[in-house]
Each structure stands twice: as structure tokens, then as C-alpha cells.
C-alpha atoms as a PDB file:
ATOM      1  CA  MET A   1       0.160  -0.059   0.070  1.00  0.00           C
ATOM      2  CA  PRO A   2       1.504   3.302  -0.966  1.00  0.00           C
ATOM      3  CA  ARG A   3       2.174   5.811   1.643  1.00  0.00           C
ATOM      4  CA  ASP A   4       1.007   9.401   1.064  1.00  0.00           C
ATOM      5  CA  LYS A   5       3.317  12.387   1.282  1.00  0.00           C
ATOM      6  CA  GLU A   6       2.067  13.621   4.615  1.00  0.00           C
ATOM      7  CA  ALA A   7       2.741  10.270   6.421  1.00  0.00           C
ATOM      8  CA  ILE A   8       6.280  10.299   4.975  1.00  0.00           C
ATOM      9  CA  LEU A   9       6.923  13.962   6.034  1.00  0.00           C
ATOM     10  CA  GLN A  10       5.611  13.196   9.430  1.00  0.00           C
ATOM     11  CA  GLU A  11       7.819  10.155   9.766  1.00  0.00           C
ATOM     12  CA  LEU A  12      10.924  12.495   8.791  1.00  0.00           C
ATOM     13  CA  LEU A  13       9.732  15.008  11.346  1.00  0.00           C
ATOM     14  CA  VAL A  14       9.877  12.572  14.012  1.00  0.00           C
ATOM     15  CA  LEU A  15      13.044  11.170  13.270  1.00  0.00           C
ATOM     16  CA  ARG A  16      14.315  15.045  13.169  1.00  0.00           C
ATOM     17  CA  CYS A  17      12.657  15.320  16.869  1.00  0.00           C
ATOM     18  CA  LYS A  18      14.259  12.299  17.927  1.00  0.00           C
ATOM     19  CA  ARG A  19      17.738  13.499  16.829  1.00  0.00           C
ATOM     20  CA  GLY A  20      16.915  16.847  19.369  1.00  0.00           C
ATOM     21  CA  GLU A  21      16.290  19.448  16.420  1.00  0.00           C
ATOM     22  CA  ASN A  22      14.067  22.114  18.148  1.00  0.00           C
ATOM     23  CA  ARG A  23      12.854  23.260  14.812  1.00  0.00           C
ATOM     24  CA  ALA A  24      11.419  19.934  14.034  1.00  0.00           C
ATOM     25  CA  PHE A  25       9.519  19.821  17.462  1.00  0.00           C
ATOM     26  CA  GLU A  26       8.213  23.479  16.565  1.00  0.00           C
ATOM     27  CA  GLU A  27       6.944  22.020  13.215  1.00  0.00           C
ATOM     28  CA  LEU A  28       5.354  18.896  14.853  1.00  0.00           C
ATOM     29  CA  ILE A  29       3.497  21.447  17.115  1.00  0.00           C
ATOM     30  CA  ARG A  30       2.377  23.568  14.385  1.00  0.00           C
ATOM     31  CA  LEU A  31       1.136  20.371  12.528  1.00  0.00           C
ATOM     32  CA  TRP A  32      -0.795  19.046  15.368  1.00  0.00           C
ATOM     33  CA  GLU A  33      -1.828  21.658  17.618  1.00  0.00           C
ATOM     34  CA  GLY A  34      -5.390  22.377  16.066  1.00  0.00           C
ATOM     35  CA  ARG A  35      -6.005  18.682  15.679  1.00  0.00           C
ATOM     36  CA  LEU A  36      -5.088  17.700  19.344  1.00  0.00           C
ATOM     37  CA  LEU A  37      -6.516  20.983  20.947  1.00  0.00           C
ATOM     38  CA  TYR A  38      -9.778  19.915  18.804  1.00  0.00           C
ATOM     39  CA  TYR A  39      -9.922  16.574  20.416  1.00  0.00           C
ATOM     40  CA  ILE A  40      -8.992  17.497  23.801  1.00  0.00           C
ATOM     41  CA  ARG A  41     -11.848  20.088  23.787  1.00  0.00           C
ATOM     42  CA  ARG A  42     -14.324  17.303  23.284  1.00  0.00           C
ATOM     43  CA  LEU A  43     -12.945  15.902  26.470  1.00  0.00           C
ATOM     44  CA  VAL A  44     -13.234  18.788  28.763  1.00  0.00           C
ATOM     45  CA  ALA A  45     -15.595  21.371  30.046  1.00  0.00           C
ATOM     46  CA  THR A  46     -13.850  24.658  29.449  1.00  0.00           C
ATOM     47  CA  GLU A  47     -11.459  25.793  26.635  1.00  0.00           C
ATOM     48  CA  GLU A  48      -9.086  27.107  29.497  1.00  0.00           C
ATOM     49  CA  ASP A  49      -8.733  23.495  30.355  1.00  0.00           C
ATOM     50  CA  ALA A  50      -8.239  22.293  26.941  1.00  0.00           C
ATOM     51  CA  TRP A  51      -5.428  24.594  26.466  1.00  0.00           C
ATOM     52  CA  ASP A  52      -3.760  23.387  29.964  1.00  0.00           C
ATOM     53  CA  ILE A  53      -4.103  19.788  28.860  1.00  0.00           C
ATOM     54  CA  LEU A  54      -2.597  20.533  25.362  1.00  0.00           C
ATOM     55  CA  GLN A  55       0.607  22.261  27.041  1.00  0.00           C
ATOM     56  CA  GLN A  56       0.891  19.587  29.423  1.00  0.00           C
ATOM     57  CA  THR A  57       0.523  16.885  26.508  1.00  0.00           C
ATOM     58  CA  TRP A  58       3.214  18.567  24.455  1.00  0.00           C
ATOM     59  CA  MET A  59       5.443  18.492  27.533  1.00  0.00           C
ATOM     60  CA  LYS A  60       4.955  15.147  27.773  1.00  0.00           C
ATOM     61  CA  VAL A  61       5.721  14.279  24.009  1.00  0.00           C
ATOM     62  CA  PHE A  62       8.995  16.534  24.169  1.00  0.00           C
ATOM     63  CA  LYS A  63      10.209  14.164  27.228  1.00  0.00           C
ATOM     64  CA  SER A  64       9.388  10.999  25.599  1.00  0.00           C
ATOM     65  CA  ILE A  65       9.548  11.597  21.616  1.00  0.00           C
ATOM     66  CA  LYS A  66      12.885   9.526  21.754  1.00  0.00           C
ATOM     67  CA  THR A  67      10.882   6.337  23.219  1.00  0.00           C
ATOM     68  CA  LEU A  68       8.601   6.393  19.978  1.00  0.00           C
ATOM     69  CA  ASN A  69       9.930   3.228  18.272  1.00  0.00           C
ATOM     70  CA  ALA A  70       7.487   3.531  15.084  1.00  0.00           C
ATOM     71  CA  PRO A  71       7.266   7.037  13.384  1.00  0.00           C
ATOM     72  CA  ARG A  72       4.264   5.649  11.477  1.00  0.00           C
ATOM     73  CA  SER A  73       2.140   5.427  14.580  1.00  0.00           C
ATOM     74  CA  LEU A  74       2.777   9.073  15.672  1.00  0.00           C
ATOM     75  CA  SER A  75      -0.911  10.075  15.331  1.00  0.00           C
ATOM     76  CA  THR A  76      -2.142   7.258  17.553  1.00  0.00           C
ATOM     77  CA  TRP A  77       0.518   7.902  20.044  1.00  0.00           C
ATOM     78  CA  LEU A  78      -0.173  11.879  20.302  1.00  0.00           C
ATOM     79  CA  TYR A  79      -3.848  11.056  20.882  1.00  0.00           C
ATOM     80  CA  GLN A  80      -2.793   8.402  23.399  1.00  0.00           C
ATOM     81  CA  ILE A  81      -0.848  11.110  25.056  1.00  0.00           C
ATOM     82  CA  ALA A  82      -3.466  13.743  25.121  1.00  0.00           C
ATOM     83  CA  ARG A  83      -6.386  11.260  26.034  1.00  0.00           C
ATOM     84  CA  ASN A  84      -4.265  10.070  29.339  1.00  0.00           C
ATOM     85  CA  THR A  85      -3.350  13.829  30.175  1.00  0.00           C
ATOM     86  CA  ALA A  86      -7.071  14.853  29.853  1.00  0.00           C
ATOM     87  CA  LEU A  87      -7.846  11.541  32.035  1.00  0.00           C
ATOM     88  CA  SER A  88      -5.387  12.612  34.577  1.00  0.00           C
ATOM     89  CA  HIS A  89      -6.776  16.225  34.483  1.00  0.00           C
ATOM     90  CA  TRP A  90     -10.422  14.605  35.306  1.00  0.00           C
ATOM     91  CA  ARG A  91      -8.979  12.655  38.000  1.00  0.00           C
ATOM     92  CA  GLY A  92      -7.423  15.449  39.558  1.00  0.00           C
ATOM     93  CA  ARG A  93     -10.649  17.711  39.388  1.00  0.00           C
ATOM     94  CA  TYR A  94     -12.594  14.914  40.871  1.00  0.00           C
ATOM     95  CA  ARG A  95     -10.226  14.687  43.836  1.00  0.00           C
ATOM     96  CA  ALA A  96     -10.405  18.523  44.336  1.00  0.00           C
ATOM     97  CA  GLU A  97     -14.059  18.587  44.193  1.00  0.00           C
ATOM     98  CA  ALA A  98     -14.583  15.686  46.665  1.00  0.00           C
ATOM     99  CA  ARG A  99     -11.919  17.794  48.999  1.00  0.00           C
ATOM    100  CA  MET A 100     -14.187  21.170  48.774  1.00  0.00           C
ATOM    101  CA  GLU A 101     -17.243  18.994  49.669  1.00  0.00           C
ATOM    102  CA  ILE A 102     -15.607  17.604  52.509  1.00  0.00           C
ATOM    103  CA  HIS A 103     -14.936  20.898  53.739  1.00  0.00           C
ATOM    104  CA  GLY A 104     -18.430  22.257  53.168  1.00  0.00           C
ATOM    105  CA  GLU A 105     -17.612  24.153  50.103  1.00  0.00           C
ATOM    106  CA  VAL A 106     -19.797  22.542  47.272  1.00  0.00           C
ATOM    107  CA  MET A 107     -19.307  23.937  43.994  1.00  0.00           C
ATOM    108  CA  GLU A 108     -22.315  24.542  41.637  1.00  0.00           C
ATOM    109  CA  ALA A 109     -22.162  22.822  38.288  1.00  0.00           C
ATOM    110  CA  GLU A 110     -22.607  24.915  35.575  1.00  0.00           C
ATOM    111  CA  ALA A 111     -25.685  24.575  33.709  1.00  0.00           C
ATOM    112  CA  PRO A 112     -25.625  23.569  29.974  1.00  0.00           C
ATOM    113  CA  GLU A 113     -26.527  26.311  27.555  1.00  0.00           C
ATOM    114  CA  GLU A 114     -29.838  25.948  26.116  1.00  0.00           C
ATOM    115  CA  SER A 115     -29.868  24.356  22.803  1.00  0.00           C
ATOM    116  CA  CYS A 116     -30.703  26.571  19.774  1.00  0.00           C
ATOM    117  CA  ARG A 117     -30.926  25.857  16.329  1.00  0.00           C
ATOM    118  CA  PHE A 118     -28.015  26.832  14.150  1.00  0.00           C
ATOM    119  CA  ASP A 119     -26.419  25.264  11.038  1.00  0.00           C
ATOM    120  CA  ASP A 120     -26.046  21.382  11.189  1.00  0.00           C
ATOM    121  CA  ALA A 121     -22.356  21.483  12.084  1.00  0.00           C
ATOM    122  CA  GLU A 122     -23.100  23.727  15.372  1.00  0.00           C
ATOM    123  CA  GLN A 123     -25.778  21.357  16.163  1.00  0.00           C
ATOM    124  CA  VAL A 124     -23.396  18.385  15.903  1.00  0.00           C
ATOM    125  CA  HIS A 125     -21.015  20.081  18.208  1.00  0.00           C
ATOM    126  CA  GLN A 126     -23.530  21.010  20.588  1.00  0.00           C
ATOM    127  CA  ALA A 127     -24.786  17.457  20.561  1.00  0.00           C
ATOM    128  CA  LEU A 128     -21.138  15.991  20.914  1.00  0.00           C
ATOM    129  CA  ALA A 129     -21.249  18.026  24.197  1.00  0.00           C
ATOM    130  CA  ARG A 130     -24.368  16.050  25.479  1.00  0.00           C
ATOM    131  CA  VAL A 131     -23.382  12.345  24.685  1.00  0.00           C
ATOM    132  CA  ALA A 132     -21.312   9.967  27.031  1.00  0.00           C
ATOM    133  CA  LEU A 133     -17.666  10.868  27.247  1.00  0.00           C
ATOM    134  CA  SER A 134     -16.679   7.439  25.931  1.00  0.00           C
ATOM    135  CA  HIS A 135     -19.161   8.025  23.143  1.00  0.00           C
ATOM    136  CA  ARG A 136     -17.665  11.479  22.383  1.00  0.00           C
ATOM    137  CA  GLU A 137     -14.269  10.156  22.202  1.00  0.00           C
ATOM    138  CA  VAL A 138     -14.894   7.696  19.679  1.00  0.00           C
ATOM    139  CA  LEU A 139     -17.046   9.976  17.586  1.00  0.00           C
ATOM    140  CA  THR A 140     -14.766  12.612  17.548  1.00  0.00           C
ATOM    141  CA  LEU A 141     -11.788  10.452  16.500  1.00  0.00           C
ATOM    142  CA  TYR A 142     -13.624   8.425  13.969  1.00  0.00           C
ATOM    143  CA  PHE A 143     -15.535  11.384  12.019  1.00  0.00           C
ATOM    144  CA  LEU A 144     -13.479  14.241  13.148  1.00  0.00           C
ATOM    145  CA  GLN A 145      -9.950  13.071  13.316  1.00  0.00           C
ATOM    146  CA  ASP A 146     -10.213  10.456  10.509  1.00  0.00           C
ATOM    147  CA  LEU A 147      -8.761   7.659  12.520  1.00  0.00           C
ATOM    148  CA  THR A 148      -9.697   4.023  11.481  1.00  0.00           C
ATOM    149  CA  LEU A 149     -11.187   1.548  14.097  1.00  0.00           C
ATOM    150  CA  ASP A 150      -7.720  -0.133  14.827  1.00  0.00           C
ATOM    151  CA  GLN A 151      -6.317   3.233  15.377  1.00  0.00           C
ATOM    152  CA  ILE A 152      -9.056   4.195  17.490  1.00  0.00           C
ATOM    153  CA  ALA A 153      -8.676   0.922  19.434  1.00  0.00           C
ATOM    154  CA  GLU A 154      -5.292   1.535  20.075  1.00  0.00           C
ATOM    155  CA  VAL A 155      -5.675   5.410  21.247  1.00  0.00           C
ATOM    156  CA  LEU A 156      -8.255   3.969  23.949  1.00  0.00           C
ATOM    157  CA  GLY A 157      -6.463   0.835  24.827  1.00  0.00           C
ATOM    158  CA  ILE A 158      -9.377  -1.364  23.786  1.00  0.00           C
ATOM    159  CA  PRO A 159     -10.088  -4.318  21.526  1.00  0.00           C
ATOM    160  CA  SER A 160     -10.827  -3.357  17.990  1.00  0.00           C
ATOM    161  CA  GLY A 161     -14.607  -5.030  18.350  1.00  0.00           C
ATOM    162  CA  THR A 162     -15.039  -2.973  21.287  1.00  0.00           C
ATOM    163  CA  ALA A 163     -14.209   0.134  19.378  1.00  0.00           C
ATOM    164  CA  LYS A 164     -16.443  -0.981  16.513  1.00  0.00           C
ATOM    165  CA  SER A 165     -19.192  -1.559  19.077  1.00  0.00           C
ATOM    166  CA  ARG A 166     -18.750   1.790  20.842  1.00  0.00           C
ATOM    167  CA  LEU A 167     -18.974   3.505  17.529  1.00  0.00           C
ATOM    168  CA  PHE A 168     -22.367   1.964  16.770  1.00  0.00           C
ATOM    169  CA  HIS A 169     -23.806   2.926  20.029  1.00  0.00           C
ATOM    170  CA  ALA A 170     -22.282   6.194  19.893  1.00  0.00           C
ATOM    171  CA  LYS A 171     -23.890   7.086  16.410  1.00  0.00           C
ATOM    172  CA  ARG A 172     -27.380   5.908  18.016  1.00  0.00           C
ATOM    173  CA  GLU A 173     -26.676   8.034  21.035  1.00  0.00           C
ATOM    174  CA  LEU A 174     -25.858  11.142  18.887  1.00  0.00           C
ATOM    175  CA  ARG A 175     -28.769  10.567  16.467  1.00  0.00           C
ATOM    176  CA  ALA A 176     -31.181  10.268  19.592  1.00  0.00           C
ATOM    177  CA  VAL A 177     -29.775  13.710  20.740  1.00  0.00           C
ATOM    178  CA  LEU A 178     -29.926  15.558  17.207  1.00  0.00           C
ATOM    179  CA  GLU A 179     -33.522  14.274  16.564  1.00  0.00           C
ATOM    180  CA  PRO A 180     -35.881  17.058  17.375  1.00  0.00           C
ATOM    181  CA  GLN A 181     -38.346  16.452  20.200  1.00  0.00           C
ATOM    182  CA  GLU A 182     -41.772  15.737  19.638  1.00  0.00           C
ATOM    183  CA  GLY A 183     -43.592  19.113  19.402  1.00  0.00           C
ATOM    184  CA  ASN A 184     -40.490  21.214  18.858  1.00  0.00           C
ATOM    185  CA  PRO A 185     -39.698  22.566  15.330  1.00  0.00           C
END
């Protein structure tokens, strides 16, 4: 199977990063920052959290790029680091909220914005925020980041069959959220 030009360029970029070339790492950030931010933004509540997690992700990538043995798996590897960093953020946030509740400081959850009818893309993005996190992850990776089911399985650390099943159920949940309620236009 012939590889496309972008895949070859990314592999070369990884090899340059492994050699310690700062410019190569800057190029890697420019190339992947938007995609990773978009993915992370679907996993966390606020844009500020997403930027923090993205920064932490790049720090982890910088420290461990030399351990990436298969430059072909760059995209999967980056998404795994971003996902694990986001999950660590969530665990830390839950611990902090639990400590606040113990001390009598109950945080109020932000109320979700009222759903408005916008163009289809905006509706989909709003609907994504309303589906379960595990479904949001698989939908984002499959439809918005163009990963294969095998790549998604690798990112999420699950078998391919489970990724396929999650995608099926995620599509159903998203469709249910997108379908207009009875009596609503």
C-alpha cells in the first residue's frame, strides 16, 4: 500500500525530533496543535482546561519523543498522550471537588446552555457535548480526526471489536440527541 506524502513527512519529522532538532519539534506542534486541541476540547468542560491539557501534552511529548519506536504510529501515539493527560486532569478535578465538598464548599455545576438551532455543524458540536464521554471520544476520533477503528482501539486501549461496538452505540446516542423532540420544530 503506497504511503501518502504527509505520512512520509511526519515520519521524517519524528526522526528529526528524536535527534533533538528544536525546529522539528516546533513544526510538529504547528502541524498537530489544532487537531489535538480539537480532540481535547471534546473531552473537557472548558477551553481553558483544554489549553492547559494541550500544554501538558506537548511537555510529555517533548520528554518522551525519543521513545517512539514506530514513527508511523505518530498520530495514535499523540492521541494516546492527549487522552491520558485529559483523564489525569479529570481524576485531579474529581479529587479537588471531593475535598471541597468535605470542607463544606459545594461547587455549583455549570448549567448547560440551552440548545439553539444553528447550522448542522453547530448542532453536531452541541450534541457531542451531550453524549457520554466514551461515545464523544470515539465519534471525535472517527469522524472528526479520521482515525480507523484499529487506530481508535489503540488510542483508547481497547479491542477493535469494542471500538466498533462503541462507535455503533455512539452513533445511536448522537442521533437520539440530534433528533428533534416531539412538538419542537
